[in-house]
Amino acid sequence: MINQRPPGYPSLTKSYKGIYPFKIGTTSFIYPDHYIPNVKMLGPYLDEIELLLFESTGTDALPAKPVITALSRLAKDFDLTYNVHLPTDISISDPDPKCQNHAVETMIRVIDLVHPLNPSALTLHLPYGEGFFNEPTVKSWQDRVHDSLVKILSAGVPKDKIAIETLDYPFELVDDIIIDLDLQICMDLGHLMVHGDDIWKVFNKYALRTPIIHLHGVENEHDHLTLERLPIKLIEPVLRILKTYTGVVSLEIFSFDNLNSSLKFLENHWEEN
């Protein structure tokens, strides 16, 4: 059976499907295995899976078409949806035109590959590696980002699927680009918290453009931890955001123990508030 779960892995003990106003999900890297075994293990318990396509090159870096077909069938079997995290080993803002064009072409190819899965969002990193924030440097970076995104959209990629992720620079740098191209936002609350941003303020500004939230614990400038590691002062604003949100919340963590403890943490604190 295609949905038969692989033996030998610890399993969640209850379903979290449909219990929150938002869809609850996690990554395809919870178990040390490939996409299909992870989806088989997680599908009965969660609303959505974040397919991590971090690497664009190398053997088995991207799922083959038969894997995509199998994932599509599993989505139907488990009443499951997907979002996709696009590759992070390339940058559409690369200052080298050859590398930039390669990144654009690769993103288009990957988006076409996952199209049959009808992902709820295609999360895209726009790394800022310039080292300086003076006006000419920022403008040059913004121009490269805008030009690359126009090329991606011109290839037929739906603009309402591209979700630009909040990273480690002021997100205002991409405000005009997002508005001009009518794109979406992936609000990574963990990234915002670890850099000391006011997450409630950021959420209020961008909520209408945010189909997906990445959530994970932070501690001592480290992120992607279990929610149990959230400082007490951050629990209330996180819950305040989640209580008003109806999109997808992906627990962006990478082990079963961190997932299991995060789900229990969220459930316990949800009932208390």
C-alpha atoms as a PDB file:
ATOM      1  CA  MET A   1       0.000   0.000   0.000  1.00  0.00           C
ATOM      2  CA  ILE A   2       1.344   3.418  -0.925  1.00  0.00           C
ATOM      3  CA  ASN A   3       0.347   4.905   2.433  1.00  0.00           C
ATOM      4  CA  GLN A   4       1.778   2.097   4.562  1.00  0.00           C
ATOM      5  CA  ARG A   5       4.049   3.717   7.137  1.00  0.00           C
ATOM      6  CA  PRO A   6       7.715   2.712   7.295  1.00  0.00           C
ATOM      7  CA  PRO A   7       8.589   0.515  10.304  1.00  0.00           C
ATOM      8  CA  GLY A   8      11.124   1.474  12.940  1.00  0.00           C
ATOM      9  CA  TYR A   9      10.350   5.179  13.369  1.00  0.00           C
ATOM     10  CA  PRO A  10       8.663   6.751  16.399  1.00  0.00           C
ATOM     11  CA  SER A  11       5.200   8.018  15.559  1.00  0.00           C
ATOM     12  CA  LEU A  12       2.999  10.847  16.735  1.00  0.00           C
ATOM     13  CA  THR A  13       0.239   9.505  18.967  1.00  0.00           C
ATOM     14  CA  LYS A  14      -2.657  11.763  17.989  1.00  0.00           C
ATOM     15  CA  SER A  15      -3.936  13.683  14.995  1.00  0.00           C
ATOM     16  CA  TYR A  16      -3.675  17.460  14.885  1.00  0.00           C
ATOM     17  CA  LYS A  17      -5.647  17.778  11.680  1.00  0.00           C
ATOM     18  CA  GLY A  18      -8.245  20.528  11.719  1.00  0.00           C
ATOM     19  CA  ILE A  19      -7.953  21.438  15.403  1.00  0.00           C
ATOM     20  CA  TYR A  20      -6.634  24.982  14.903  1.00  0.00           C
ATOM     21  CA  PRO A  21      -7.964  27.914  12.871  1.00  0.00           C
ATOM     22  CA  PHE A  22      -4.845  27.500  10.727  1.00  0.00           C
ATOM     23  CA  LYS A  23      -3.383  24.463   8.999  1.00  0.00           C
ATOM     24  CA  ILE A  24      -0.619  22.925  11.111  1.00  0.00           C
ATOM     25  CA  GLY A  25       2.345  21.313   9.387  1.00  0.00           C
ATOM     26  CA  THR A  26       6.035  20.589   9.569  1.00  0.00           C
ATOM     27  CA  THR A  27       8.993  19.811   7.348  1.00  0.00           C
ATOM     28  CA  SER A  28       9.838  16.770   5.252  1.00  0.00           C
ATOM     29  CA  PHE A  29      13.074  16.366   7.277  1.00  0.00           C
ATOM     30  CA  ILE A  30      11.566  15.037  10.523  1.00  0.00           C
ATOM     31  CA  TYR A  31      12.843  11.501   9.950  1.00  0.00           C
ATOM     32  CA  PRO A  32      16.311  10.682   8.535  1.00  0.00           C
ATOM     33  CA  ASP A  33      14.808   9.470   5.280  1.00  0.00           C
ATOM     34  CA  HIS A  34      13.469  10.643   1.928  1.00  0.00           C
ATOM     35  CA  TYR A  35      10.306  12.591   1.106  1.00  0.00           C
ATOM     36  CA  ILE A  36       7.902   9.666   0.753  1.00  0.00           C
ATOM     37  CA  PRO A  37       8.709   7.955   4.087  1.00  0.00           C
ATOM     38  CA  ASN A  38       8.412  11.295   5.887  1.00  0.00           C
ATOM     39  CA  VAL A  39       5.036  12.012   4.316  1.00  0.00           C
ATOM     40  CA  LYS A  40       3.796   8.503   5.119  1.00  0.00           C
ATOM     41  CA  MET A  41       4.750   8.969   8.761  1.00  0.00           C
ATOM     42  CA  LEU A  42       3.401  12.514   9.121  1.00  0.00           C
ATOM     43  CA  GLY A  43       0.427  12.505   6.765  1.00  0.00           C
ATOM     44  CA  PRO A  44      -2.087  10.893   9.139  1.00  0.00           C
ATOM     45  CA  TYR A  45      -1.455  13.522  11.823  1.00  0.00           C
ATOM     46  CA  LEU A  46      -0.898  16.930  10.170  1.00  0.00           C
ATOM     47  CA  ASP A  47      -2.647  19.194   7.684  1.00  0.00           C
ATOM     48  CA  GLU A  48       0.331  20.110   5.510  1.00  0.00           C
ATOM     49  CA  ILE A  49       3.955  19.172   4.834  1.00  0.00           C
ATOM     50  CA  GLU A  50       6.689  21.660   3.950  1.00  0.00           C
ATOM     51  CA  LEU A  51       8.732  19.949   1.232  1.00  0.00           C
ATOM     52  CA  LEU A  52      12.322  21.109   1.690  1.00  0.00           C
ATOM     53  CA  LEU A  53      14.098  21.387  -1.639  1.00  0.00           C
ATOM     54  CA  PHE A  54      17.104  23.196  -0.179  1.00  0.00           C
ATOM     55  CA  GLU A  55      19.701  21.832  -2.615  1.00  0.00           C
ATOM     56  CA  SER A  56      19.464  22.269  -6.359  1.00  0.00           C
ATOM     57  CA  THR A  57      22.423  20.125  -7.452  1.00  0.00           C
ATOM     58  CA  GLY A  58      23.768  16.695  -6.651  1.00  0.00           C
ATOM     59  CA  THR A  59      22.419  13.162  -6.695  1.00  0.00           C
ATOM     60  CA  ASP A  60      18.846  12.973  -5.424  1.00  0.00           C
ATOM     61  CA  ALA A  61      18.920  16.672  -4.531  1.00  0.00           C
ATOM     62  CA  LEU A  62      15.508  17.174  -6.097  1.00  0.00           C
ATOM     63  CA  PRO A  63      12.656  14.651  -6.168  1.00  0.00           C
ATOM     64  CA  ALA A  64      12.255  12.766  -9.436  1.00  0.00           C
ATOM     65  CA  LYS A  65       8.950  12.939 -11.293  1.00  0.00           C
ATOM     66  CA  PRO A  66       7.831   9.494 -10.018  1.00  0.00           C
ATOM     67  CA  VAL A  67       8.350  10.812  -6.468  1.00  0.00           C
ATOM     68  CA  ILE A  68       6.167  13.816  -7.256  1.00  0.00           C
ATOM     69  CA  THR A  69       3.494  11.448  -8.578  1.00  0.00           C
ATOM     70  CA  ALA A  70       3.681   9.371  -5.399  1.00  0.00           C
ATOM     71  CA  LEU A  71       3.503  12.485  -3.219  1.00  0.00           C
ATOM     72  CA  SER A  72       0.414  13.597  -5.103  1.00  0.00           C
ATOM     73  CA  ARG A  73      -1.302  10.270  -4.393  1.00  0.00           C
ATOM     74  CA  LEU A  74      -0.309  10.451  -0.720  1.00  0.00           C
ATOM     75  CA  ALA A  75      -1.848  13.911  -0.470  1.00  0.00           C
ATOM     76  CA  LYS A  76      -5.175  12.455  -1.565  1.00  0.00           C
ATOM     77  CA  ASP A  77      -4.884   9.430   0.717  1.00  0.00           C
ATOM     78  CA  PHE A  78      -4.124  11.529   3.795  1.00  0.00           C
ATOM     79  CA  ASP A  79      -6.191  14.615   2.936  1.00  0.00           C
ATOM     80  CA  LEU A  80      -2.917  16.513   2.974  1.00  0.00           C
ATOM     81  CA  THR A  81      -1.530  19.602   1.253  1.00  0.00           C
ATOM     82  CA  TYR A  82       2.027  20.764   0.590  1.00  0.00           C
ATOM     83  CA  ASN A  83       4.048  23.915   0.532  1.00  0.00           C
ATOM     84  CA  VAL A  84       7.499  23.988  -1.023  1.00  0.00           C
ATOM     85  CA  HIS A  85      10.694  25.608   0.179  1.00  0.00           C
ATOM     86  CA  LEU A  86      12.691  26.484  -2.935  1.00  0.00           C
ATOM     87  CA  PRO A  87      16.489  25.907  -3.108  1.00  0.00           C
ATOM     88  CA  THR A  88      18.737  27.984  -0.865  1.00  0.00           C
ATOM     89  CA  ASP A  89      22.096  27.045  -2.388  1.00  0.00           C
ATOM     90  CA  ILE A  90      21.573  29.512  -5.243  1.00  0.00           C
ATOM     91  CA  SER A  91      20.479  33.151  -5.250  1.00  0.00           C
ATOM     92  CA  ILE A  92      18.440  35.091  -7.792  1.00  0.00           C
ATOM     93  CA  SER A  93      20.152  38.221  -6.411  1.00  0.00           C
ATOM     94  CA  ASP A  94      23.673  36.950  -7.139  1.00  0.00           C
ATOM     95  CA  PRO A  95      25.887  39.810  -8.384  1.00  0.00           C
ATOM     96  CA  ASP A  96      27.420  37.489 -10.991  1.00  0.00           C
ATOM     97  CA  PRO A  97      25.020  37.619 -13.987  1.00  0.00           C
ATOM     98  CA  LYS A  98      25.825  34.030 -14.958  1.00  0.00           C
ATOM     99  CA  CYS A  99      25.062  32.725 -11.458  1.00  0.00           C
ATOM    100  CA  GLN A 100      21.985  34.910 -11.254  1.00  0.00           C
ATOM    101  CA  ASN A 101      20.591  33.585 -14.534  1.00  0.00           C
ATOM    102  CA  HIS A 102      21.358  30.022 -13.491  1.00  0.00           C
ATOM    103  CA  ALA A 103      19.449  30.590 -10.242  1.00  0.00           C
ATOM    104  CA  VAL A 104      16.443  32.008 -12.099  1.00  0.00           C
ATOM    105  CA  GLU A 105      16.388  29.101 -14.559  1.00  0.00           C
ATOM    106  CA  THR A 106      16.726  26.590 -11.725  1.00  0.00           C
ATOM    107  CA  MET A 107      13.890  28.149  -9.726  1.00  0.00           C
ATOM    108  CA  ILE A 108      11.622  28.000 -12.781  1.00  0.00           C
ATOM    109  CA  ARG A 109      12.546  24.346 -13.334  1.00  0.00           C
ATOM    110  CA  VAL A 110      11.901  23.420  -9.696  1.00  0.00           C
ATOM    111  CA  ILE A 111       8.579  25.262  -9.634  1.00  0.00           C
ATOM    112  CA  ASP A 112       7.530  23.398 -12.770  1.00  0.00           C
ATOM    113  CA  LEU A 113       8.580  20.106 -11.147  1.00  0.00           C
ATOM    114  CA  VAL A 114       6.342  20.593  -8.097  1.00  0.00           C
ATOM    115  CA  HIS A 115       3.419  22.116 -10.013  1.00  0.00           C
ATOM    116  CA  PRO A 116       1.379  18.848  -9.936  1.00  0.00           C
ATOM    117  CA  LEU A 117       1.338  19.076  -6.121  1.00  0.00           C
ATOM    118  CA  ASN A 118      -0.510  22.419  -6.229  1.00  0.00           C
ATOM    119  CA  PRO A 119       1.557  23.794  -3.332  1.00  0.00           C
ATOM    120  CA  SER A 120      -0.075  26.384  -1.101  1.00  0.00           C
ATOM    121  CA  ALA A 121       3.105  28.473  -1.244  1.00  0.00           C
ATOM    122  CA  LEU A 122       6.535  28.505  -2.863  1.00  0.00           C
ATOM    123  CA  THR A 123       8.860  29.931  -0.236  1.00  0.00           C
ATOM    124  CA  LEU A 124      11.810  31.853  -1.667  1.00  0.00           C
ATOM    125  CA  HIS A 125      14.918  33.210   0.035  1.00  0.00           C
ATOM    126  CA  LEU A 126      16.296  36.538  -1.162  1.00  0.00           C
ATOM    127  CA  PRO A 127      19.647  36.566   0.671  1.00  0.00           C
ATOM    128  CA  TYR A 128      21.374  39.897   1.207  1.00  0.00           C
ATOM    129  CA  GLY A 129      25.111  39.300   1.236  1.00  0.00           C
ATOM    130  CA  GLU A 130      26.340  42.728   0.258  1.00  0.00           C
ATOM    131  CA  GLY A 131      27.931  43.629   3.581  1.00  0.00           C
ATOM    132  CA  PHE A 132      26.836  47.267   3.344  1.00  0.00           C
ATOM    133  CA  PHE A 133      23.470  49.012   3.451  1.00  0.00           C
ATOM    134  CA  ASN A 134      24.394  52.235   1.658  1.00  0.00           C
ATOM    135  CA  GLU A 135      21.893  53.430  -0.925  1.00  0.00           C
ATOM    136  CA  PRO A 136      23.772  52.442  -4.126  1.00  0.00           C
ATOM    137  CA  THR A 137      24.476  48.931  -2.808  1.00  0.00           C
ATOM    138  CA  VAL A 138      20.886  48.381  -1.706  1.00  0.00           C
ATOM    139  CA  LYS A 139      19.511  49.754  -4.985  1.00  0.00           C
ATOM    140  CA  SER A 140      21.732  47.454  -7.048  1.00  0.00           C
ATOM    141  CA  TRP A 141      20.589  44.444  -5.008  1.00  0.00           C
ATOM    142  CA  GLN A 142      16.939  45.460  -5.298  1.00  0.00           C
ATOM    143  CA  ASP A 143      17.250  45.844  -9.061  1.00  0.00           C
ATOM    144  CA  ARG A 144      18.709  42.352  -9.404  1.00  0.00           C
ATOM    145  CA  VAL A 145      15.959  40.883  -7.227  1.00  0.00           C
ATOM    146  CA  HIS A 146      13.209  42.669  -9.157  1.00  0.00           C
ATOM    147  CA  ASP A 147      14.586  41.684 -12.565  1.00  0.00           C
ATOM    148  CA  SER A 148      14.944  38.047 -11.535  1.00  0.00           C
ATOM    149  CA  LEU A 149      11.446  37.861 -10.099  1.00  0.00           C
ATOM    150  CA  VAL A 150      10.007  39.382 -13.275  1.00  0.00           C
ATOM    151  CA  LYS A 151      11.726  36.616 -15.272  1.00  0.00           C
ATOM    152  CA  ILE A 152      10.310  33.947 -12.973  1.00  0.00           C
ATOM    153  CA  LEU A 153       6.795  35.359 -13.196  1.00  0.00           C
ATOM    154  CA  SER A 154       7.126  35.731 -16.964  1.00  0.00           C
ATOM    155  CA  ALA A 155       7.645  31.969 -17.157  1.00  0.00           C
ATOM    156  CA  GLY A 156       4.066  31.516 -15.986  1.00  0.00           C
ATOM    157  CA  VAL A 157       4.640  31.145 -12.244  1.00  0.00           C
ATOM    158  CA  PRO A 158       1.544  32.417 -10.381  1.00  0.00           C
ATOM    159  CA  LYS A 159       2.435  35.507  -8.381  1.00  0.00           C
ATOM    160  CA  ASP A 160       0.112  34.486  -5.561  1.00  0.00           C
ATOM    161  CA  LYS A 161       2.265  31.391  -4.949  1.00  0.00           C
ATOM    162  CA  ILE A 162       5.654  33.084  -4.503  1.00  0.00           C
ATOM    163  CA  ALA A 163       6.217  33.806  -0.788  1.00  0.00           C
ATOM    164  CA  ILE A 164       9.310  35.865   0.063  1.00  0.00           C
ATOM    165  CA  GLU A 165      10.729  34.777   3.418  1.00  0.00           C
ATOM    166  CA  THR A 166      11.733  37.135   6.212  1.00  0.00           C
ATOM    167  CA  LEU A 167      15.464  36.600   6.766  1.00  0.00           C
ATOM    168  CA  ASP A 168      18.213  38.479   8.623  1.00  0.00           C
ATOM    169  CA  TYR A 169      17.914  41.959   7.087  1.00  0.00           C
ATOM    170  CA  PRO A 170      15.254  44.682   7.386  1.00  0.00           C
ATOM    171  CA  PHE A 171      12.309  43.340   5.413  1.00  0.00           C
ATOM    172  CA  GLU A 172      11.491  46.874   4.287  1.00  0.00           C
ATOM    173  CA  LEU A 173      14.210  46.378   1.665  1.00  0.00           C
ATOM    174  CA  VAL A 174      11.794  44.259  -0.353  1.00  0.00           C
ATOM    175  CA  ASP A 175       8.535  46.100   0.434  1.00  0.00           C
ATOM    176  CA  ASP A 176       8.359  47.958  -2.879  1.00  0.00           C
ATOM    177  CA  ILE A 177       9.235  44.829  -4.862  1.00  0.00           C
ATOM    178  CA  ILE A 178       6.543  42.760  -3.175  1.00  0.00           C
ATOM    179  CA  ILE A 179       3.919  45.451  -3.705  1.00  0.00           C
ATOM    180  CA  ASP A 180       4.960  46.154  -7.293  1.00  0.00           C
ATOM    181  CA  LEU A 181       4.864  42.475  -8.281  1.00  0.00           C
ATOM    182  CA  ASP A 182       1.945  41.627  -5.947  1.00  0.00           C
ATOM    183  CA  LEU A 183       3.808  38.783  -4.234  1.00  0.00           C
ATOM    184  CA  GLN A 184       3.199  36.961  -0.951  1.00  0.00           C
ATOM    185  CA  ILE A 185       5.262  36.675   2.240  1.00  0.00           C
ATOM    186  CA  CYS A 186       6.510  33.751   4.268  1.00  0.00           C
ATOM    187  CA  MET A 187       6.713  35.187   7.783  1.00  0.00           C
ATOM    188  CA  ASP A 188       9.385  33.287   9.684  1.00  0.00           C
ATOM    189  CA  LEU A 189       8.581  34.177  13.283  1.00  0.00           C
ATOM    190  CA  GLY A 190      11.707  32.390  14.473  1.00  0.00           C
ATOM    191  CA  HIS A 191      13.971  34.540  12.307  1.00  0.00           C
ATOM    192  CA  LEU A 192      12.174  37.675  13.465  1.00  0.00           C
ATOM    193  CA  MET A 193      12.405  36.714  17.138  1.00  0.00           C
ATOM    194  CA  VAL A 194      16.073  35.775  17.040  1.00  0.00           C
ATOM    195  CA  HIS A 195      16.853  39.205  15.581  1.00  0.00           C
ATOM    196  CA  GLY A 196      14.752  41.015  18.174  1.00  0.00           C
ATOM    197  CA  ASP A 197      11.945  42.218  15.908  1.00  0.00           C
ATOM    198  CA  ASP A 198       8.490  43.029  17.249  1.00  0.00           C
ATOM    199  CA  ILE A 199       6.618  40.086  15.736  1.00  0.00           C
ATOM    200  CA  TRP A 200       3.151  41.486  16.464  1.00  0.00           C
ATOM    201  CA  LYS A 201       4.039  44.708  14.660  1.00  0.00           C
ATOM    202  CA  VAL A 202       5.466  42.815  11.671  1.00  0.00           C
ATOM    203  CA  PHE A 203       2.443  40.514  11.555  1.00  0.00           C
ATOM    204  CA  ASN A 204      -0.008  43.423  11.561  1.00  0.00           C
ATOM    205  CA  LYS A 205       1.862  45.038   8.690  1.00  0.00           C
ATOM    206  CA  TYR A 206       2.050  41.983   6.445  1.00  0.00           C
ATOM    207  CA  ALA A 207      -0.744  39.637   7.594  1.00  0.00           C
ATOM    208  CA  LEU A 208      -2.871  40.040   4.461  1.00  0.00           C
ATOM    209  CA  ARG A 209       0.060  38.922   2.293  1.00  0.00           C
ATOM    210  CA  THR A 210       1.109  36.006   4.500  1.00  0.00           C
ATOM    211  CA  PRO A 211      -0.207  32.580   3.425  1.00  0.00           C
ATOM    212  CA  ILE A 212       2.436  30.772   5.477  1.00  0.00           C
ATOM    213  CA  ILE A 213       4.180  31.237   8.818  1.00  0.00           C
ATOM    214  CA  HIS A 214       7.344  29.408   9.851  1.00  0.00           C
ATOM    215  CA  LEU A 215       7.378  28.778  13.582  1.00  0.00           C
ATOM    216  CA  HIS A 216      10.159  27.355  15.765  1.00  0.00           C
ATOM    217  CA  GLY A 217      11.769  27.895  19.103  1.00  0.00           C
ATOM    218  CA  VAL A 218      14.627  30.339  19.680  1.00  0.00           C
ATOM    219  CA  GLU A 219      17.173  30.580  22.455  1.00  0.00           C
ATOM    220  CA  ASN A 220      20.462  32.488  22.788  1.00  0.00           C
ATOM    221  CA  GLU A 221      20.389  33.582  19.121  1.00  0.00           C
ATOM    222  CA  HIS A 222      19.778  30.026  17.923  1.00  0.00           C
ATOM    223  CA  ASP A 223      16.612  29.094  16.067  1.00  0.00           C
ATOM    224  CA  HIS A 224      14.820  26.091  14.549  1.00  0.00           C
ATOM    225  CA  LEU A 225      14.548  24.623  18.038  1.00  0.00           C
ATOM    226  CA  THR A 226      11.580  23.004  19.762  1.00  0.00           C
ATOM    227  CA  LEU A 227       8.905  25.463  20.864  1.00  0.00           C
ATOM    228  CA  GLU A 228       9.697  24.420  24.415  1.00  0.00           C
ATOM    229  CA  ARG A 229      12.772  26.647  24.138  1.00  0.00           C
ATOM    230  CA  LEU A 230      10.753  29.807  23.483  1.00  0.00           C
ATOM    231  CA  PRO A 231      11.488  32.486  26.092  1.00  0.00           C
ATOM    232  CA  ILE A 232       8.451  33.119  28.302  1.00  0.00           C
ATOM    233  CA  LYS A 233       8.135  36.715  27.097  1.00  0.00           C
ATOM    234  CA  LEU A 234       7.662  35.534  23.506  1.00  0.00           C
ATOM    235  CA  ILE A 235       4.965  32.930  24.129  1.00  0.00           C
ATOM    236  CA  GLU A 236       2.119  35.446  24.453  1.00  0.00           C
ATOM    237  CA  PRO A 237       2.835  37.394  21.234  1.00  0.00           C
ATOM    238  CA  VAL A 238       3.251  34.144  19.286  1.00  0.00           C
ATOM    239  CA  LEU A 239      -0.103  32.855  20.536  1.00  0.00           C
ATOM    240  CA  ARG A 240      -1.749  36.217  19.882  1.00  0.00           C
ATOM    241  CA  ILE A 241      -0.671  35.970  16.249  1.00  0.00           C
ATOM    242  CA  LEU A 242      -1.801  32.357  15.886  1.00  0.00           C
ATOM    243  CA  LYS A 243      -5.228  33.070  17.413  1.00  0.00           C
ATOM    244  CA  THR A 244      -5.980  35.502  14.561  1.00  0.00           C
ATOM    245  CA  TYR A 245      -4.349  33.548  11.719  1.00  0.00           C
ATOM    246  CA  THR A 246      -6.016  31.196   9.229  1.00  0.00           C
ATOM    247  CA  GLY A 247      -3.202  30.312   6.825  1.00  0.00           C
ATOM    248  CA  VAL A 248      -0.517  27.621   7.181  1.00  0.00           C
ATOM    249  CA  VAL A 249       1.758  27.332  10.211  1.00  0.00           C
ATOM    250  CA  SER A 250       4.784  25.163   9.483  1.00  0.00           C
ATOM    251  CA  LEU A 251       6.797  24.034  12.479  1.00  0.00           C
ATOM    252  CA  GLU A 252      10.159  24.435  10.774  1.00  0.00           C
ATOM    253  CA  ILE A 253      12.149  21.945  12.783  1.00  0.00           C
ATOM    254  CA  PHE A 254      14.108  18.878  11.775  1.00  0.00           C
ATOM    255  CA  SER A 255      13.682  16.001  14.208  1.00  0.00           C
ATOM    256  CA  PHE A 256      10.885  13.882  15.644  1.00  0.00           C
ATOM    257  CA  ASP A 257      11.629  14.836  19.240  1.00  0.00           C
ATOM    258  CA  ASN A 258      11.485  18.563  18.451  1.00  0.00           C
ATOM    259  CA  LEU A 259       8.272  18.107  16.478  1.00  0.00           C
ATOM    260  CA  ASN A 260       6.562  16.006  19.127  1.00  0.00           C
ATOM    261  CA  SER A 261       7.480  18.383  21.951  1.00  0.00           C
ATOM    262  CA  SER A 262       6.516  21.436  19.864  1.00  0.00           C
ATOM    263  CA  LEU A 263       3.074  20.040  19.075  1.00  0.00           C
ATOM    264  CA  LYS A 264       2.460  19.257  22.742  1.00  0.00           C
ATOM    265  CA  PHE A 265       3.749  22.693  23.775  1.00  0.00           C
ATOM    266  CA  LEU A 266       1.418  24.433  21.339  1.00  0.00           C
ATOM    267  CA  GLU A 267      -1.552  22.305  22.384  1.00  0.00           C
ATOM    268  CA  ASN A 268      -0.976  22.906  26.092  1.00  0.00           C
ATOM    269  CA  HIS A 269      -0.528  26.666  25.773  1.00  0.00           C
ATOM    270  CA  TRP A 270      -3.439  26.959  23.327  1.00  0.00           C
ATOM    271  CA  GLU A 271      -5.782  25.510  25.915  1.00  0.00           C
ATOM    272  CA  GLU A 272      -4.460  27.896  28.568  1.00  0.00           C
ATOM    273  CA  ASN A 273      -5.187  31.028  26.521  1.00  0.00           C
END
